[in-house]
Amino acid sequence: MANKISVLGLEVDVIQDSELLNSIETNLLKKQKFALTYANAHCAMIFRKSAEYRFSLSRFSLIHPDGIAMSLASRYLNPGETVQRMTGSDFYPFLIEKAIEKQCSLFIFGDTNETLERISERNPSLKISGMSTGFNFSETLSSEISRLKPDLVLIGLGVPKQEIWISDNWDALPDAVYLAMGEGLRVLAGTKKRGGKLLQKAGLEWAVRLFSNPVRLWKRYLIRMPVFLFMVVIQKFRGKSE
């Protein structure tokens, strides 16, 4: 079992890409109900304010740290741990390769019909049993997923909506691996803008996202991220998890 570290009370797993992929593969083979999601600085700030989000995360078996701010915070708070900077944008393509290799059936839920169609077009070997847009979706969607019995369910509704949906429907959902991946669906569709290799290595992809959509993201990156880092320093100063 992966070690856990606490960042502003949100516990994330210290896990490598290969270990994460192995965990998914193991649970796919065992056909066990298994849920995983990511946590970045934005998630940590929501975690402090939303009791519903905090409760929903209790359903998840793995929460992997995502993004440069969470990586820096994890290392700062736990200098003895080797915390890999993991991004879903790098991980998700490997997951799709594994799903094709193992002939797993997928249900993809979230974003727009255009995004879902592009995922299908870009991955013709992917065995997709069903899809649903993330807008105005049916209240009986969990029943549809139960009927189709997919091996892997990809959910991209954004935080905290996707985690809350999984939690609220957990008992009605069939045994499968559930992956909350936010804009990861756009990565699979090839429509999410990423910085070049140098920006990726430097952990500055957030700047590309900010400049591509400043109206929606300026508060997240220019206000909430500095507040997050300040609160991490306070946590370190206090010498305990909040």
C-alpha atoms as a PDB file:
ATOM      1  CA  MET A   1       0.000   0.000   0.000  1.00  0.00           C
ATOM      2  CA  ALA A   2       1.324   3.439  -0.892  1.00  0.00           C
ATOM      3  CA  ASN A   3       2.419   5.833   1.831  1.00  0.00           C
ATOM      4  CA  LYS A   4       0.140   8.787   2.442  1.00  0.00           C
ATOM      5  CA  ILE A   5       1.056  12.398   3.115  1.00  0.00           C
ATOM      6  CA  SER A   6      -1.216  15.194   4.287  1.00  0.00           C
ATOM      7  CA  VAL A   7      -1.356  18.550   2.518  1.00  0.00           C
ATOM      8  CA  LEU A   8      -3.727  20.941   4.292  1.00  0.00           C
ATOM      9  CA  GLY A   9      -5.580  17.900   5.611  1.00  0.00           C
ATOM     10  CA  LEU A  10      -5.986  16.290   2.188  1.00  0.00           C
ATOM     11  CA  GLU A  11      -4.205  12.940   2.156  1.00  0.00           C
ATOM     12  CA  VAL A  12      -2.528  11.949  -1.088  1.00  0.00           C
ATOM     13  CA  ASP A  13      -0.667   8.773  -1.989  1.00  0.00           C
ATOM     14  CA  VAL A  14       3.077   8.712  -2.586  1.00  0.00           C
ATOM     15  CA  ILE A  15       3.059   6.589  -5.715  1.00  0.00           C
ATOM     16  CA  GLN A  16       4.955   6.332  -8.993  1.00  0.00           C
ATOM     17  CA  ASP A  17       3.362   6.245 -12.468  1.00  0.00           C
ATOM     18  CA  SER A  18       4.203   2.554 -12.862  1.00  0.00           C
ATOM     19  CA  GLU A  19       2.674   1.683  -9.467  1.00  0.00           C
ATOM     20  CA  LEU A  20      -0.492   3.585 -10.312  1.00  0.00           C
ATOM     21  CA  LEU A  21      -0.824   1.762 -13.614  1.00  0.00           C
ATOM     22  CA  ASN A  22      -0.187  -1.583 -11.891  1.00  0.00           C
ATOM     23  CA  SER A  23      -2.893  -0.842  -9.302  1.00  0.00           C
ATOM     24  CA  ILE A  24      -5.393  -0.135 -12.056  1.00  0.00           C
ATOM     25  CA  GLU A  25      -4.408  -3.259 -13.980  1.00  0.00           C
ATOM     26  CA  THR A  26      -4.631  -5.449 -10.864  1.00  0.00           C
ATOM     27  CA  ASN A  27      -8.136  -4.254 -10.051  1.00  0.00           C
ATOM     28  CA  LEU A  28      -9.242  -4.603 -13.668  1.00  0.00           C
ATOM     29  CA  LEU A  29      -8.125  -8.225 -13.632  1.00  0.00           C
ATOM     30  CA  LYS A  30      -9.808  -8.894 -10.287  1.00  0.00           C
ATOM     31  CA  LYS A  31     -12.943  -7.047 -11.435  1.00  0.00           C
ATOM     32  CA  GLN A  32     -13.095  -5.153  -8.157  1.00  0.00           C
ATOM     33  CA  LYS A  33     -14.758  -1.822  -7.573  1.00  0.00           C
ATOM     34  CA  PHE A  34     -11.901   0.642  -7.355  1.00  0.00           C
ATOM     35  CA  ALA A  35     -11.873   4.435  -7.589  1.00  0.00           C
ATOM     36  CA  LEU A  36      -9.022   6.872  -8.029  1.00  0.00           C
ATOM     37  CA  THR A  37      -8.681  10.568  -8.573  1.00  0.00           C
ATOM     38  CA  TYR A  38      -6.072  13.309  -8.504  1.00  0.00           C
ATOM     39  CA  ALA A  39      -5.382  16.159  -6.115  1.00  0.00           C
ATOM     40  CA  ASN A  40      -3.762  19.466  -6.994  1.00  0.00           C
ATOM     41  CA  ALA A  41      -3.581  22.815  -5.225  1.00  0.00           C
ATOM     42  CA  HIS A  42      -7.070  23.722  -6.443  1.00  0.00           C
ATOM     43  CA  CYS A  43      -8.439  20.463  -5.002  1.00  0.00           C
ATOM     44  CA  ALA A  44      -6.778  21.123  -1.640  1.00  0.00           C
ATOM     45  CA  MET A  45      -8.467  24.512  -1.371  1.00  0.00           C
ATOM     46  CA  ILE A  46     -11.880  23.011  -2.220  1.00  0.00           C
ATOM     47  CA  PHE A  47     -11.223  20.235   0.311  1.00  0.00           C
ATOM     48  CA  ARG A  48     -10.953  22.795   3.124  1.00  0.00           C
ATOM     49  CA  LYS A  49     -14.304  24.377   2.284  1.00  0.00           C
ATOM     50  CA  SER A  50     -16.524  21.533   1.069  1.00  0.00           C
ATOM     51  CA  ALA A  51     -17.697  18.860   3.510  1.00  0.00           C
ATOM     52  CA  GLU A  52     -19.422  17.071   0.622  1.00  0.00           C
ATOM     53  CA  TYR A  53     -16.134  16.830  -1.287  1.00  0.00           C
ATOM     54  CA  ARG A  54     -14.289  15.643   1.812  1.00  0.00           C
ATOM     55  CA  PHE A  55     -16.833  12.891   2.335  1.00  0.00           C
ATOM     56  CA  SER A  56     -16.766  11.854  -1.337  1.00  0.00           C
ATOM     57  CA  LEU A  57     -13.022  11.214  -1.191  1.00  0.00           C
ATOM     58  CA  SER A  58     -13.589   8.480   1.397  1.00  0.00           C
ATOM     59  CA  ARG A  59     -14.801   6.325  -1.509  1.00  0.00           C
ATOM     60  CA  PHE A  60     -11.465   6.576  -3.302  1.00  0.00           C
ATOM     61  CA  SER A  61      -8.754   3.965  -2.974  1.00  0.00           C
ATOM     62  CA  LEU A  62      -6.010   6.154  -4.416  1.00  0.00           C
ATOM     63  CA  ILE A  63      -5.530   9.914  -4.651  1.00  0.00           C
ATOM     64  CA  HIS A  64      -2.457  10.802  -6.654  1.00  0.00           C
ATOM     65  CA  PRO A  65      -0.720  14.203  -6.370  1.00  0.00           C
ATOM     66  CA  ASP A  66      -1.070  16.249  -9.545  1.00  0.00           C
ATOM     67  CA  GLY A  67       0.661  19.445 -10.591  1.00  0.00           C
ATOM     68  CA  ILE A  68       3.765  21.376  -9.603  1.00  0.00           C
ATOM     69  CA  ALA A  69       2.247  23.162  -6.579  1.00  0.00           C
ATOM     70  CA  MET A  70       1.110  19.913  -4.939  1.00  0.00           C
ATOM     71  CA  SER A  71       4.471  18.315  -5.701  1.00  0.00           C
ATOM     72  CA  LEU A  72       6.413  21.187  -4.136  1.00  0.00           C
ATOM     73  CA  ALA A  73       4.105  21.250  -1.114  1.00  0.00           C
ATOM     74  CA  SER A  74       4.461  17.492  -0.614  1.00  0.00           C
ATOM     75  CA  ARG A  75       8.239  17.644  -0.722  1.00  0.00           C
ATOM     76  CA  TYR A  76       8.369  20.695   1.536  1.00  0.00           C
ATOM     77  CA  LEU A  77       6.145  19.084   4.162  1.00  0.00           C
ATOM     78  CA  ASN A  78       7.768  15.650   3.869  1.00  0.00           C
ATOM     79  CA  PRO A  79      11.460  16.107   3.003  1.00  0.00           C
ATOM     80  CA  GLY A  80      12.171  12.432   3.643  1.00  0.00           C
ATOM     81  CA  GLU A  81       9.678  11.238   1.015  1.00  0.00           C
ATOM     82  CA  THR A  82      10.360  10.961  -2.712  1.00  0.00           C
ATOM     83  CA  VAL A  83       7.237  12.519  -4.185  1.00  0.00           C
ATOM     84  CA  GLN A  84       7.037  12.207  -7.953  1.00  0.00           C
ATOM     85  CA  ARG A  85       5.532  15.107  -9.861  1.00  0.00           C
ATOM     86  CA  MET A  86       2.773  13.308 -11.666  1.00  0.00           C
ATOM     87  CA  THR A  87       0.508  14.833 -14.273  1.00  0.00           C
ATOM     88  CA  GLY A  88      -2.556  13.187 -15.665  1.00  0.00           C
ATOM     89  CA  SER A  89      -1.661  14.572 -19.089  1.00  0.00           C
ATOM     90  CA  ASP A  90       1.403  12.314 -19.081  1.00  0.00           C
ATOM     91  CA  PHE A  91      -0.285   9.335 -17.412  1.00  0.00           C
ATOM     92  CA  TYR A  92      -3.609   9.008 -19.246  1.00  0.00           C
ATOM     93  CA  PRO A  93      -2.161   8.045 -22.675  1.00  0.00           C
ATOM     94  CA  PHE A  94      -0.351   5.118 -21.011  1.00  0.00           C
ATOM     95  CA  LEU A  95      -3.635   4.069 -19.434  1.00  0.00           C
ATOM     96  CA  ILE A  96      -5.348   4.037 -22.831  1.00  0.00           C
ATOM     97  CA  GLU A  97      -2.538   1.914 -24.263  1.00  0.00           C
ATOM     98  CA  LYS A  98      -3.019  -0.550 -21.417  1.00  0.00           C
ATOM     99  CA  ALA A  99      -6.803  -0.619 -21.947  1.00  0.00           C
ATOM    100  CA  ILE A 100      -6.302  -1.423 -25.634  1.00  0.00           C
ATOM    101  CA  GLU A 101      -3.713  -4.076 -24.820  1.00  0.00           C
ATOM    102  CA  LYS A 102      -5.991  -5.789 -22.289  1.00  0.00           C
ATOM    103  CA  GLN A 103      -9.127  -5.283 -24.423  1.00  0.00           C
ATOM    104  CA  CYS A 104     -10.919  -3.539 -21.563  1.00  0.00           C
ATOM    105  CA  SER A 105     -14.353  -2.115 -22.219  1.00  0.00           C
ATOM    106  CA  LEU A 106     -14.777   1.566 -21.345  1.00  0.00           C
ATOM    107  CA  PHE A 107     -17.591   3.897 -20.466  1.00  0.00           C
ATOM    108  CA  ILE A 108     -16.614   7.546 -20.928  1.00  0.00           C
ATOM    109  CA  PHE A 109     -18.622  10.205 -19.131  1.00  0.00           C
ATOM    110  CA  GLY A 110     -18.052  13.964 -19.242  1.00  0.00           C
ATOM    111  CA  ASP A 111     -17.264  17.063 -21.299  1.00  0.00           C
ATOM    112  CA  THR A 112     -18.997  17.536 -24.673  1.00  0.00           C
ATOM    113  CA  ASN A 113     -20.173  15.198 -27.397  1.00  0.00           C
ATOM    114  CA  GLU A 114     -17.451  16.635 -29.640  1.00  0.00           C
ATOM    115  CA  THR A 115     -14.760  15.661 -27.118  1.00  0.00           C
ATOM    116  CA  LEU A 116     -16.184  12.156 -26.740  1.00  0.00           C
ATOM    117  CA  GLU A 117     -16.342  11.653 -30.504  1.00  0.00           C
ATOM    118  CA  ARG A 118     -12.735  12.817 -30.911  1.00  0.00           C
ATOM    119  CA  ILE A 119     -11.569  10.319 -28.273  1.00  0.00           C
ATOM    120  CA  SER A 120     -13.249   7.538 -30.240  1.00  0.00           C
ATOM    121  CA  GLU A 121     -11.811   8.762 -33.553  1.00  0.00           C
ATOM    122  CA  ARG A 122      -8.259   9.096 -32.190  1.00  0.00           C
ATOM    123  CA  ASN A 123      -8.355   5.659 -30.540  1.00  0.00           C
ATOM    124  CA  PRO A 124     -10.160   3.356 -32.992  1.00  0.00           C
ATOM    125  CA  SER A 125      -8.850   0.236 -31.226  1.00  0.00           C
ATOM    126  CA  LEU A 126     -10.398   1.322 -27.926  1.00  0.00           C
ATOM    127  CA  LYS A 127     -13.346  -0.822 -26.896  1.00  0.00           C
ATOM    128  CA  ILE A 128     -15.939   1.788 -25.907  1.00  0.00           C
ATOM    129  CA  SER A 129     -19.183   0.290 -24.597  1.00  0.00           C
ATOM    130  CA  GLY A 130     -20.897   3.625 -23.966  1.00  0.00           C
ATOM    131  CA  MET A 131     -20.486   7.386 -23.648  1.00  0.00           C
ATOM    132  CA  SER A 132     -22.372  10.255 -22.053  1.00  0.00           C
ATOM    133  CA  THR A 133     -21.828  13.993 -22.177  1.00  0.00           C
ATOM    134  CA  GLY A 134     -21.165  15.790 -18.904  1.00  0.00           C
ATOM    135  CA  PHE A 135     -23.962  18.272 -19.543  1.00  0.00           C
ATOM    136  CA  ASN A 136     -27.641  17.543 -18.877  1.00  0.00           C
ATOM    137  CA  PHE A 137     -26.905  13.874 -18.396  1.00  0.00           C
ATOM    138  CA  SER A 138     -29.556  11.382 -17.309  1.00  0.00           C
ATOM    139  CA  GLU A 139     -30.264  10.841 -13.629  1.00  0.00           C
ATOM    140  CA  THR A 140     -30.409   7.120 -14.408  1.00  0.00           C
ATOM    141  CA  LEU A 141     -26.891   7.039 -15.853  1.00  0.00           C
ATOM    142  CA  SER A 142     -25.650   4.719 -13.114  1.00  0.00           C
ATOM    143  CA  SER A 143     -28.291   2.191 -14.232  1.00  0.00           C
ATOM    144  CA  GLU A 144     -27.050   2.451 -17.812  1.00  0.00           C
ATOM    145  CA  ILE A 145     -23.471   1.830 -16.675  1.00  0.00           C
ATOM    146  CA  SER A 146     -24.668  -1.170 -14.642  1.00  0.00           C
ATOM    147  CA  ARG A 147     -26.395  -2.577 -17.708  1.00  0.00           C
ATOM    148  CA  LEU A 148     -23.281  -2.218 -19.888  1.00  0.00           C
ATOM    149  CA  LYS A 149     -20.862  -3.541 -17.228  1.00  0.00           C
ATOM    150  CA  PRO A 150     -17.703  -1.779 -18.466  1.00  0.00           C
ATOM    151  CA  ASP A 151     -14.295  -2.630 -17.034  1.00  0.00           C
ATOM    152  CA  LEU A 152     -13.123   0.978 -16.808  1.00  0.00           C
ATOM    153  CA  VAL A 153     -15.165   4.163 -16.363  1.00  0.00           C
ATOM    154  CA  LEU A 154     -13.543   7.508 -17.199  1.00  0.00           C
ATOM    155  CA  ILE A 155     -15.293  10.504 -15.651  1.00  0.00           C
ATOM    156  CA  GLY A 156     -14.442  14.081 -16.549  1.00  0.00           C
ATOM    157  CA  LEU A 157     -16.845  16.431 -14.783  1.00  0.00           C
ATOM    158  CA  GLY A 158     -14.261  18.534 -12.952  1.00  0.00           C
ATOM    159  CA  VAL A 159     -13.553  18.817  -9.224  1.00  0.00           C
ATOM    160  CA  PRO A 160     -15.548  18.327  -7.021  1.00  0.00           C
ATOM    161  CA  LYS A 161     -18.512  17.360  -9.202  1.00  0.00           C
ATOM    162  CA  GLN A 162     -16.929  14.150 -10.512  1.00  0.00           C
ATOM    163  CA  GLU A 163     -15.901  12.861  -7.081  1.00  0.00           C
ATOM    164  CA  ILE A 164     -19.295  13.693  -5.593  1.00  0.00           C
ATOM    165  CA  TRP A 165     -21.086  11.944  -8.470  1.00  0.00           C
ATOM    166  CA  ILE A 166     -19.032   8.782  -7.949  1.00  0.00           C
ATOM    167  CA  SER A 167     -19.665   8.886  -4.191  1.00  0.00           C
ATOM    168  CA  ASP A 168     -23.408   9.527  -4.522  1.00  0.00           C
ATOM    169  CA  ASN A 169     -23.825   6.663  -7.017  1.00  0.00           C
ATOM    170  CA  TRP A 170     -21.276   4.278  -5.525  1.00  0.00           C
ATOM    171  CA  ASP A 171     -23.715   1.650  -4.237  1.00  0.00           C
ATOM    172  CA  ALA A 172     -25.622   1.582  -7.549  1.00  0.00           C
ATOM    173  CA  LEU A 173     -22.542   1.310  -9.770  1.00  0.00           C
ATOM    174  CA  PRO A 174     -21.183  -2.059 -10.939  1.00  0.00           C
ATOM    175  CA  ASP A 175     -17.760  -3.466 -10.129  1.00  0.00           C
ATOM    176  CA  ALA A 176     -15.269  -1.568 -12.290  1.00  0.00           C
ATOM    177  CA  VAL A 177     -12.346   0.807 -12.066  1.00  0.00           C
ATOM    178  CA  TYR A 178     -13.533   4.425 -11.815  1.00  0.00           C
ATOM    179  CA  LEU A 179     -11.120   7.177 -12.758  1.00  0.00           C
ATOM    180  CA  ALA A 180     -12.036  10.816 -12.085  1.00  0.00           C
ATOM    181  CA  MET A 181      -9.884  12.706 -14.574  1.00  0.00           C
ATOM    182  CA  GLY A 182     -11.314  16.193 -15.099  1.00  0.00           C
ATOM    183  CA  GLU A 183      -9.920  17.751 -18.280  1.00  0.00           C
ATOM    184  CA  GLY A 184      -8.032  14.513 -18.904  1.00  0.00           C
ATOM    185  CA  LEU A 185     -10.775  13.670 -21.399  1.00  0.00           C
ATOM    186  CA  ARG A 186      -9.558  16.598 -23.490  1.00  0.00           C
ATOM    187  CA  VAL A 187      -6.042  15.197 -23.307  1.00  0.00           C
ATOM    188  CA  LEU A 188      -7.340  11.955 -24.798  1.00  0.00           C
ATOM    189  CA  ALA A 189      -9.249  13.947 -27.413  1.00  0.00           C
ATOM    190  CA  GLY A 190      -6.117  15.944 -28.281  1.00  0.00           C
ATOM    191  CA  THR A 191      -7.828  19.280 -27.636  1.00  0.00           C
ATOM    192  CA  LYS A 192      -6.164  20.332 -24.375  1.00  0.00           C
ATOM    193  CA  LYS A 193      -3.318  22.800 -24.869  1.00  0.00           C
ATOM    194  CA  ARG A 194       0.000  21.834 -23.279  1.00  0.00           C
ATOM    195  CA  GLY A 195       3.244  23.734 -23.025  1.00  0.00           C
ATOM    196  CA  GLY A 196       6.394  22.550 -24.750  1.00  0.00           C
ATOM    197  CA  LYS A 197       8.738  20.000 -23.207  1.00  0.00           C
ATOM    198  CA  LEU A 198      10.792  22.685 -21.449  1.00  0.00           C
ATOM    199  CA  LEU A 199       7.694  24.201 -19.831  1.00  0.00           C
ATOM    200  CA  GLN A 200       6.481  20.742 -18.839  1.00  0.00           C
ATOM    201  CA  LYS A 201       9.828  19.910 -17.241  1.00  0.00           C
ATOM    202  CA  ALA A 202       9.892  23.236 -15.404  1.00  0.00           C
ATOM    203  CA  GLY A 203       6.356  22.725 -14.098  1.00  0.00           C
ATOM    204  CA  LEU A 204       5.017  25.791 -15.905  1.00  0.00           C
ATOM    205  CA  GLU A 205       2.169  24.247 -17.872  1.00  0.00           C
ATOM    206  CA  TRP A 206      -0.225  26.094 -15.577  1.00  0.00           C
ATOM    207  CA  ALA A 207       0.915  29.328 -17.270  1.00  0.00           C
ATOM    208  CA  VAL A 208      -0.141  27.983 -20.663  1.00  0.00           C
ATOM    209  CA  ARG A 209      -3.569  27.083 -19.263  1.00  0.00           C
ATOM    210  CA  LEU A 210      -3.883  30.506 -17.653  1.00  0.00           C
ATOM    211  CA  PHE A 211      -3.089  32.407 -20.842  1.00  0.00           C
ATOM    212  CA  SER A 212      -5.352  30.147 -22.912  1.00  0.00           C
ATOM    213  CA  ASN A 213      -8.350  30.812 -20.627  1.00  0.00           C
ATOM    214  CA  PRO A 214      -7.599  33.807 -18.341  1.00  0.00           C
ATOM    215  CA  VAL A 215     -11.232  34.686 -17.608  1.00  0.00           C
ATOM    216  CA  ARG A 216     -11.947  31.290 -16.060  1.00  0.00           C
ATOM    217  CA  LEU A 217      -8.562  30.559 -14.475  1.00  0.00           C
ATOM    218  CA  TRP A 218      -7.030  33.823 -13.243  1.00  0.00           C
ATOM    219  CA  LYS A 219      -8.395  33.487  -9.708  1.00  0.00           C
ATOM    220  CA  ARG A 220      -7.223  29.877  -9.455  1.00  0.00           C
ATOM    221  CA  TYR A 221      -3.625  30.576 -10.437  1.00  0.00           C
ATOM    222  CA  LEU A 222      -3.060  34.171  -9.363  1.00  0.00           C
ATOM    223  CA  ILE A 223      -4.961  34.168  -6.068  1.00  0.00           C
ATOM    224  CA  ARG A 224      -5.736  30.650  -4.838  1.00  0.00           C
ATOM    225  CA  MET A 225      -2.372  29.112  -5.686  1.00  0.00           C
ATOM    226  CA  PRO A 226      -0.367  31.720  -3.696  1.00  0.00           C
ATOM    227  CA  VAL A 227      -2.845  31.325  -0.819  1.00  0.00           C
ATOM    228  CA  PHE A 228      -2.371  27.550  -1.010  1.00  0.00           C
ATOM    229  CA  LEU A 229       1.424  27.872  -0.824  1.00  0.00           C
ATOM    230  CA  PHE A 230       1.169  30.311   2.090  1.00  0.00           C
ATOM    231  CA  MET A 231      -1.067  27.897   3.990  1.00  0.00           C
ATOM    232  CA  VAL A 232       1.403  25.055   3.334  1.00  0.00           C
ATOM    233  CA  VAL A 233       4.147  27.181   4.932  1.00  0.00           C
ATOM    234  CA  ILE A 234       1.865  27.746   7.936  1.00  0.00           C
ATOM    235  CA  GLN A 235       1.248  23.981   8.176  1.00  0.00           C
ATOM    236  CA  LYS A 236       5.002  23.364   8.160  1.00  0.00           C
ATOM    237  CA  PHE A 237       5.538  26.064  10.787  1.00  0.00           C
ATOM    238  CA  ARG A 238       2.952  24.489  13.054  1.00  0.00           C
ATOM    239  CA  GLY A 239       4.654  21.129  12.590  1.00  0.00           C
ATOM    240  CA  LYS A 240       1.466  19.132  12.234  1.00  0.00           C
ATOM    241  CA  SER A 241      -1.239  18.179   9.736  1.00  0.00           C
ATOM    242  CA  GLU A 242      -4.315  20.304   9.884  1.00  0.00           C
END
